[in-house]
PDB file of all heavy atoms in Angstrom:
ATOM      1  N   PHE A   1     133.749 -58.298-108.814  1.00  0.00           N
ATOM      2  CA  PHE A   1     134.634 -59.014-107.912  1.00  0.00           C
ATOM      3  C   PHE A   1     135.845 -59.488-108.694  1.00  0.00           C
ATOM      4  O   PHE A   1     135.705 -60.090-109.765  1.00  0.00           O
ATOM      5  CB  PHE A   1     133.937 -60.225-107.290  1.00  0.00           C
ATOM      6  CG  PHE A   1     134.869 -61.130-106.534  1.00  0.00           C
ATOM      7  CD1 PHE A   1     135.513 -60.672-105.395  1.00  0.00           C
ATOM      8  CD2 PHE A   1     135.124 -62.418-106.971  1.00  0.00           C
ATOM      9  CE1 PHE A   1     136.394 -61.492-104.698  1.00  0.00           C
ATOM     10  CE2 PHE A   1     136.003 -63.248-106.280  1.00  0.00           C
ATOM     11  CZ  PHE A   1     136.634 -62.784-105.137  1.00  0.00           C
ATOM     12  N   VAL A   2     137.021 -59.200-108.152  1.00  0.00           N
ATOM     13  CA  VAL A   2     138.261 -59.686-108.748  1.00  0.00           C
ATOM     14  C   VAL A   2     138.881 -60.650-107.741  1.00  0.00           C
ATOM     15  O   VAL A   2     139.379 -60.230-106.685  1.00  0.00           O
ATOM     16  CB  VAL A   2     139.230 -58.535-109.073  1.00  0.00           C
ATOM     17  CG1 VAL A   2     140.515 -59.090-109.713  1.00  0.00           C
ATOM     18  CG2 VAL A   2     138.573 -57.531-110.005  1.00  0.00           C
ATOM     19  N   GLY A   3     138.826 -61.932-108.078  1.00  0.00           N
ATOM     20  CA  GLY A   3     139.340 -62.942-107.164  1.00  0.00           C
ATOM     21  C   GLY A   3     140.753 -63.372-107.464  1.00  0.00           C
ATOM     22  O   GLY A   3     141.382 -64.065-106.674  1.00  0.00           O
ATOM     23  N   GLY A   4     141.263 -62.962-108.591  1.00  0.00           N
ATOM     24  CA  GLY A   4     142.626 -63.304-108.978  1.00  0.00           C
ATOM     25  C   GLY A   4     143.076 -62.370-110.082  1.00  0.00           C
ATOM     26  O   GLY A   4     142.252 -61.849-110.834  1.00  0.00           O
ATOM     27  N   GLY A   5     144.359 -62.125-110.165  1.00  0.00           N
ATOM     28  CA  GLY A   5     144.880 -61.270-111.233  1.00  0.00           C
ATOM     29  C   GLY A   5     144.939 -59.804-110.888  1.00  0.00           C
ATOM     30  O   GLY A   5     145.019 -58.961-111.788  1.00  0.00           O
ATOM     31  N   ALA A   6     144.936 -59.474-109.596  1.00  0.00           N
ATOM     32  CA  ALA A   6     144.978 -58.055-109.215  1.00  0.00           C
ATOM     33  C   ALA A   6     146.247 -57.367-109.703  1.00  0.00           C
ATOM     34  O   ALA A   6     146.263 -56.145-109.896  1.00  0.00           O
ATOM     35  CB  ALA A   6     144.857 -57.925-107.700  1.00  0.00           C
ATOM     36  N   THR A   7     147.319 -58.146-109.909  1.00  0.00           N
ATOM     37  CA  THR A   7     148.584 -57.553-110.369  1.00  0.00           C
ATOM     38  C   THR A   7     148.641 -57.366-111.881  1.00  0.00           C
ATOM     39  O   THR A   7     149.606 -56.799-112.396  1.00  0.00           O
ATOM     40  CB  THR A   7     149.772 -58.436-109.935  1.00  0.00           C
ATOM     41  OG1 THR A   7     149.582 -59.763-110.445  1.00  0.00           O
ATOM     42  CG2 THR A   7     149.881 -58.489-108.417  1.00  0.00           C
ATOM     43  N   THR A   8     147.620 -57.840-112.596  1.00  0.00           N
ATOM     44  CA  THR A   8     147.577 -57.648-114.050  1.00  0.00           C
ATOM     45  C   THR A   8     147.500 -56.155-114.362  1.00  0.00           C
ATOM     46  O   THR A   8     146.607 -55.459-113.855  1.00  0.00           O
ATOM     47  CB  THR A   8     146.354 -58.359-114.666  1.00  0.00           C
ATOM     48  OG1 THR A   8     146.421 -59.748-114.354  1.00  0.00           O
ATOM     49  CG2 THR A   8     146.314 -58.163-116.169  1.00  0.00           C
ATOM     50  N   PRO A   9     148.411 -55.621-115.169  1.00  0.00           N
ATOM     51  CA  PRO A   9     148.412 -54.176-115.439  1.00  0.00           C
ATOM     52  C   PRO A   9     147.063 -53.673-115.939  1.00  0.00           C
ATOM     53  O   PRO A   9     146.463 -54.258-116.845  1.00  0.00           O
ATOM     54  CB  PRO A   9     149.500 -54.022-116.513  1.00  0.00           C
ATOM     55  CG  PRO A   9     150.411 -55.192-116.293  1.00  0.00           C
ATOM     56  CD  PRO A   9     149.519 -56.316-115.848  1.00  0.00           C
ATOM     57  N   LEU A  10     146.582 -52.625-115.310  1.00  0.00           N
ATOM     58  CA  LEU A  10     145.372 -51.894-115.694  1.00  0.00           C
ATOM     59  C   LEU A  10     144.077 -52.699-115.517  1.00  0.00           C
ATOM     60  O   LEU A  10     143.006 -52.206-115.870  1.00  0.00           O
ATOM     61  CB  LEU A  10     145.464 -51.402-117.145  1.00  0.00           C
ATOM     62  CG  LEU A  10     146.649 -50.462-117.453  1.00  0.00           C
ATOM     63  CD1 LEU A  10     146.639 -50.071-118.926  1.00  0.00           C
ATOM     64  CD2 LEU A  10     146.577 -49.219-116.572  1.00  0.00           C
ATOM     65  N   LEU A  11     144.149 -53.917-114.954  1.00  0.00           N
ATOM     66  CA  LEU A  11     142.914 -54.686-114.774  1.00  0.00           C
ATOM     67  C   LEU A  11     141.960 -53.991-113.815  1.00  0.00           C
ATOM     68  O   LEU A  11     140.773 -53.816-114.122  1.00  0.00           O
ATOM     69  CB  LEU A  11     143.229 -56.090-114.268  1.00  0.00           C
ATOM     70  CG  LEU A  11     141.997 -56.939-113.887  1.00  0.00           C
ATOM     71  CD1 LEU A  11     141.085 -57.144-115.094  1.00  0.00           C
ATOM     72  CD2 LEU A  11     142.422 -58.281-113.297  1.00  0.00           C
ATOM     73  N   LEU A  12     142.447 -53.597-112.653  1.00  0.00           N
ATOM     74  CA  LEU A  12     141.557 -52.958-111.675  1.00  0.00           C
ATOM     75  C   LEU A  12     141.025 -51.627-112.199  1.00  0.00           C
ATOM     76  O   LEU A  12     139.866 -51.278-111.957  1.00  0.00           O
ATOM     77  CB  LEU A  12     142.276 -52.759-110.346  1.00  0.00           C
ATOM     78  CG  LEU A  12     142.769 -54.028-109.643  1.00  0.00           C
ATOM     79  CD1 LEU A  12     143.229 -53.704-108.225  1.00  0.00           C
ATOM     80  CD2 LEU A  12     141.691 -55.100-109.616  1.00  0.00           C
ATOM     81  N   ASP A  13     141.860 -50.899-112.933  1.00  0.00           N
ATOM     82  CA  ASP A  13     141.395 -49.626-113.515  1.00  0.00           C
ATOM     83  C   ASP A  13     140.250 -49.869-114.492  1.00  0.00           C
ATOM     84  O   ASP A  13     139.261 -49.128-114.503  1.00  0.00           O
ATOM     85  CB  ASP A  13     142.552 -48.927-114.241  1.00  0.00           C
ATOM     86  CG  ASP A  13     143.667 -48.549-113.295  1.00  0.00           C
ATOM     87  OD1 ASP A  13     144.543 -49.400-113.057  1.00  0.00           O
ATOM     88  OD2 ASP A  13     143.654 -47.422-112.780  1.00  0.00           O
ATOM     89  N   ALA A  14     140.382 -50.912-115.314  1.00  0.00           N
ATOM     90  CA  ALA A  14     139.334 -51.224-116.287  1.00  0.00           C
ATOM     91  C   ALA A  14     138.041 -51.634-115.583  1.00  0.00           C
ATOM     92  O   ALA A  14     136.943 -51.249-116.003  1.00  0.00           O
ATOM     93  CB  ALA A  14     139.800 -52.333-117.230  1.00  0.00           C
ATOM     94  N   CYS A  15     138.165 -52.404-114.511  1.00  0.00           N
ATOM     95  CA  CYS A  15     136.973 -52.802-113.750  1.00  0.00           C
ATOM     96  C   CYS A  15     136.309 -51.586-113.122  1.00  0.00           C
ATOM     97  O   CYS A  15     135.075 -51.432-113.171  1.00  0.00           O
ATOM     98  CB  CYS A  15     137.360 -53.796-112.656  1.00  0.00           C
ATOM     99  SG  CYS A  15     137.892 -55.417-113.250  1.00  0.00           S
ATOM    100  N   TRP A  16     137.099 -50.718-112.527  1.00  0.00           N
ATOM    101  CA  TRP A  16     136.574 -49.517-111.867  1.00  0.00           C
ATOM    102  C   TRP A  16     135.885 -48.603-112.870  1.00  0.00           C
ATOM    103  O   TRP A  16     134.794 -48.076-112.609  1.00  0.00           O
ATOM    104  CB  TRP A  16     137.726 -48.803-111.160  1.00  0.00           C
ATOM    105  CG  TRP A  16     137.333 -47.633-110.313  1.00  0.00           C
ATOM    106  CD1 TRP A  16     137.501 -46.311-110.587  1.00  0.00           C
ATOM    107  CD2 TRP A  16     136.713 -47.697-109.016  1.00  0.00           C
ATOM    108  NE1 TRP A  16     137.040 -45.534-109.562  1.00  0.00           N
ATOM    109  CE2 TRP A  16     136.549 -46.361-108.578  1.00  0.00           C
ATOM    110  CE3 TRP A  16     136.296 -48.734-108.197  1.00  0.00           C
ATOM    111  CZ2 TRP A  16     135.971 -46.043-107.340  1.00  0.00           C
ATOM    112  CZ3 TRP A  16     135.720 -48.421-106.971  1.00  0.00           C
ATOM    113  CH2 TRP A  16     135.562 -47.099-106.548  1.00  0.00           C
ATOM    114  N   ASP A  17     136.506 -48.420-114.027  1.00  0.00           N
ATOM    115  CA  ASP A  17     135.924 -47.538-115.058  1.00  0.00           C
ATOM    116  C   ASP A  17     134.618 -48.104-115.608  1.00  0.00           C
ATOM    117  O   ASP A  17     133.736 -47.351-116.031  1.00  0.00           O
ATOM    118  CB  ASP A  17     136.913 -47.350-116.209  1.00  0.00           C
ATOM    119  CG  ASP A  17     138.132 -46.525-115.805  1.00  0.00           C
ATOM    120  OD1 ASP A  17     138.066 -45.841-114.761  1.00  0.00           O
ATOM    121  OD2 ASP A  17     139.158 -46.591-116.521  1.00  0.00           O
ATOM    122  N   ALA A  18     134.480 -49.445-115.615  1.00  0.00           N
ATOM    123  CA  ALA A  18     133.274 -50.061-116.166  1.00  0.00           C
ATOM    124  C   ALA A  18     132.086 -49.973-115.225  1.00  0.00           C
ATOM    125  O   ALA A  18     130.932 -50.040-115.657  1.00  0.00           O
ATOM    126  CB  ALA A  18     133.540 -51.534-116.490  1.00  0.00           C
ATOM    127  N   LEU A  19     132.343 -49.792-113.931  1.00  0.00           N
ATOM    128  CA  LEU A  19     131.266 -49.787-112.931  1.00  0.00           C
ATOM    129  C   LEU A  19     130.269 -48.664-113.158  1.00  0.00           C
ATOM    130  O   LEU A  19     130.636 -47.527-113.495  1.00  0.00           O
ATOM    131  CB  LEU A  19     131.856 -49.613-111.535  1.00  0.00           C
ATOM    132  CG  LEU A  19     132.206 -50.841-110.716  1.00  0.00           C
ATOM    133  CD1 LEU A  19     132.839 -50.398-109.401  1.00  0.00           C
ATOM    134  CD2 LEU A  19     130.974 -51.693-110.435  1.00  0.00           C
ATOM    135  N   ARG A  20     129.010 -48.969-112.939  1.00  0.00           N
ATOM    136  CA  ARG A  20     127.993 -47.924-112.900  1.00  0.00           C
ATOM    137  C   ARG A  20     128.218 -47.041-111.673  1.00  0.00           C
ATOM    138  O   ARG A  20     128.805 -47.476-110.680  1.00  0.00           O
ATOM    139  CB  ARG A  20     126.591 -48.539-112.821  1.00  0.00           C
ATOM    140  CG  ARG A  20     126.183 -49.363-114.037  1.00  0.00           C
ATOM    141  CD  ARG A  20     124.779 -49.906-113.842  1.00  0.00           C
ATOM    142  NE  ARG A  20     124.374 -50.785-114.907  1.00  0.00           N
ATOM    143  CZ  ARG A  20     123.813 -50.384-116.057  1.00  0.00           C
ATOM    144  NH1 ARG A  20     123.624 -49.092-116.261  1.00  0.00           N
ATOM    145  NH2 ARG A  20     123.460 -51.257-116.977  1.00  0.00           N
ATOM    146  N   GLU A  21     127.698 -45.826-111.726  1.00  0.00           N
ATOM    147  CA  GLU A  21     127.793 -44.949-110.566  1.00  0.00           C
ATOM    148  C   GLU A  21     127.081 -45.596-109.376  1.00  0.00           C
ATOM    149  O   GLU A  21     125.962 -46.092-109.497  1.00  0.00           O
ATOM    150  CB  GLU A  21     127.170 -43.587-110.871  1.00  0.00           C
ATOM    151  CG  GLU A  21     127.334 -42.583-109.742  1.00  0.00           C
ATOM    152  CD  GLU A  21     126.776 -41.212-110.109  1.00  0.00           C
ATOM    153  OE1 GLU A  21     126.381 -41.024-111.278  1.00  0.00           O
ATOM    154  OE2 GLU A  21     126.740 -40.346-109.218  1.00  0.00           O
ATOM    155  N   GLY A  22     127.744 -45.614-108.237  1.00  0.00           N
ATOM    156  CA  GLY A  22     127.190 -46.269-107.061  1.00  0.00           C
ATOM    157  C   GLY A  22     127.510 -47.744-106.982  1.00  0.00           C
ATOM    158  O   GLY A  22     127.120 -48.413-106.023  1.00  0.00           O
ATOM    159  N   GLY A  23     128.228 -48.259-108.004  1.00  0.00           N
ATOM    160  CA  GLY A  23     128.572 -49.670-108.024  1.00  0.00           C
ATOM    161  C   GLY A  23     129.667 -50.003-107.016  1.00  0.00           C
ATOM    162  O   GLY A  23     130.435 -49.135-106.576  1.00  0.00           O
ATOM    163  N   ARG A  24     129.723 -51.295-106.643  1.00  0.00           N
ATOM    164  CA  ARG A  24     130.688 -51.762-105.663  1.00  0.00           C
ATOM    165  C   ARG A  24     131.763 -52.609-106.334  1.00  0.00           C
ATOM    166  O   ARG A  24     131.450 -53.389-107.239  1.00  0.00           O
ATOM    167  CB  ARG A  24     130.021 -52.620-104.573  1.00  0.00           C
ATOM    168  CG  ARG A  24     129.136 -51.864-103.603  1.00  0.00           C
ATOM    169  CD  ARG A  24     127.729 -51.678-104.091  1.00  0.00           C
ATOM    170  NE  ARG A  24     127.046 -52.953-104.330  1.00  0.00           N
ATOM    171  CZ  ARG A  24     126.031 -53.098-105.177  1.00  0.00           C
ATOM    172  NH1 ARG A  24     125.611 -52.087-105.905  1.00  0.00           N
ATOM    173  NH2 ARG A  24     125.454 -54.281-105.316  1.00  0.00           N
ATOM    174  N   MET A  25     133.003 -52.467-105.861  1.00  0.00           N
ATOM    175  CA  MET A  25     134.068 -53.337-106.334  1.00  0.00           C
ATOM    176  C   MET A  25     134.761 -53.956-105.129  1.00  0.00           C
ATOM    177  O   MET A  25     135.037 -53.279-104.137  1.00  0.00           O
ATOM    178  CB  MET A  25     135.088 -52.575-107.193  1.00  0.00           C
ATOM    179  CG  MET A  25     136.085 -53.514-107.898  1.00  0.00           C
ATOM    180  SD  MET A  25     136.936 -52.735-109.291  1.00  0.00           S
ATOM    181  CE  MET A  25     138.384 -52.095-108.498  1.00  0.00           C
ATOM    182  N   VAL A  26     135.020 -55.260-105.225  1.00  0.00           N
ATOM    183  CA  VAL A  26     135.688 -55.996-104.159  1.00  0.00           C
ATOM    184  C   VAL A  26     136.821 -56.790-104.792  1.00  0.00           C
ATOM    185  O   VAL A  26     136.620 -57.475-105.806  1.00  0.00           O
ATOM    186  CB  VAL A  26     134.706 -56.945-103.429  1.00  0.00           C
ATOM    187  CG1 VAL A  26     135.447 -57.761-102.377  1.00  0.00           C
ATOM    188  CG2 VAL A  26     133.571 -56.157-102.789  1.00  0.00           C
ATOM    189  N   VAL A  27     137.998 -56.704-104.191  1.00  0.00           N
ATOM    190  CA  VAL A  27     139.178 -57.398-104.713  1.00  0.00           C
ATOM    191  C   VAL A  27     139.815 -58.182-103.570  1.00  0.00           C
ATOM    192  O   VAL A  27     140.051 -57.623-102.488  1.00  0.00           O
ATOM    193  CB  VAL A  27     140.211 -56.419-105.305  1.00  0.00           C
ATOM    194  CG1 VAL A  27     141.343 -57.192-105.981  1.00  0.00           C
ATOM    195  CG2 VAL A  27     139.551 -55.459-106.291  1.00  0.00           C
ATOM    196  N   ASN A  28     140.100 -59.457-103.813  1.00  0.00           N
ATOM    197  CA  ASN A  28     140.760 -60.301-102.817  1.00  0.00           C
ATOM    198  C   ASN A  28     142.213 -60.544-103.218  1.00  0.00           C
ATOM    199  O   ASN A  28     142.519 -60.698-104.402  1.00  0.00           O
ATOM    200  CB  ASN A  28     140.047 -61.647-102.681  1.00  0.00           C
ATOM    201  CG  ASN A  28     138.695 -61.519-102.001  1.00  0.00           C
ATOM    202  OD1 ASN A  28     138.246 -60.415-101.689  1.00  0.00           O
ATOM    203  ND2 ASN A  28     138.045 -62.641-101.763  1.00  0.00           N
ATOM    204  N   ALA A  29     143.080 -60.608-102.213  1.00  0.00           N
ATOM    205  CA  ALA A  29     144.508 -60.822-102.467  1.00  0.00           C
ATOM    206  C   ALA A  29     145.085 -61.764-101.418  1.00  0.00           C
ATOM    207  O   ALA A  29     144.707 -61.706-100.241  1.00  0.00           O
ATOM    208  CB  ALA A  29     145.259 -59.492-102.429  1.00  0.00           C
TER     209      ALA A  29
END
């Protein structure tokens, strides 16, 4: 879950790459 900092460069990419296969990602803006 990313509750803040979605505009931080490459943050969402790093979170997505870290996820296990089948993992869920949720981002609030």
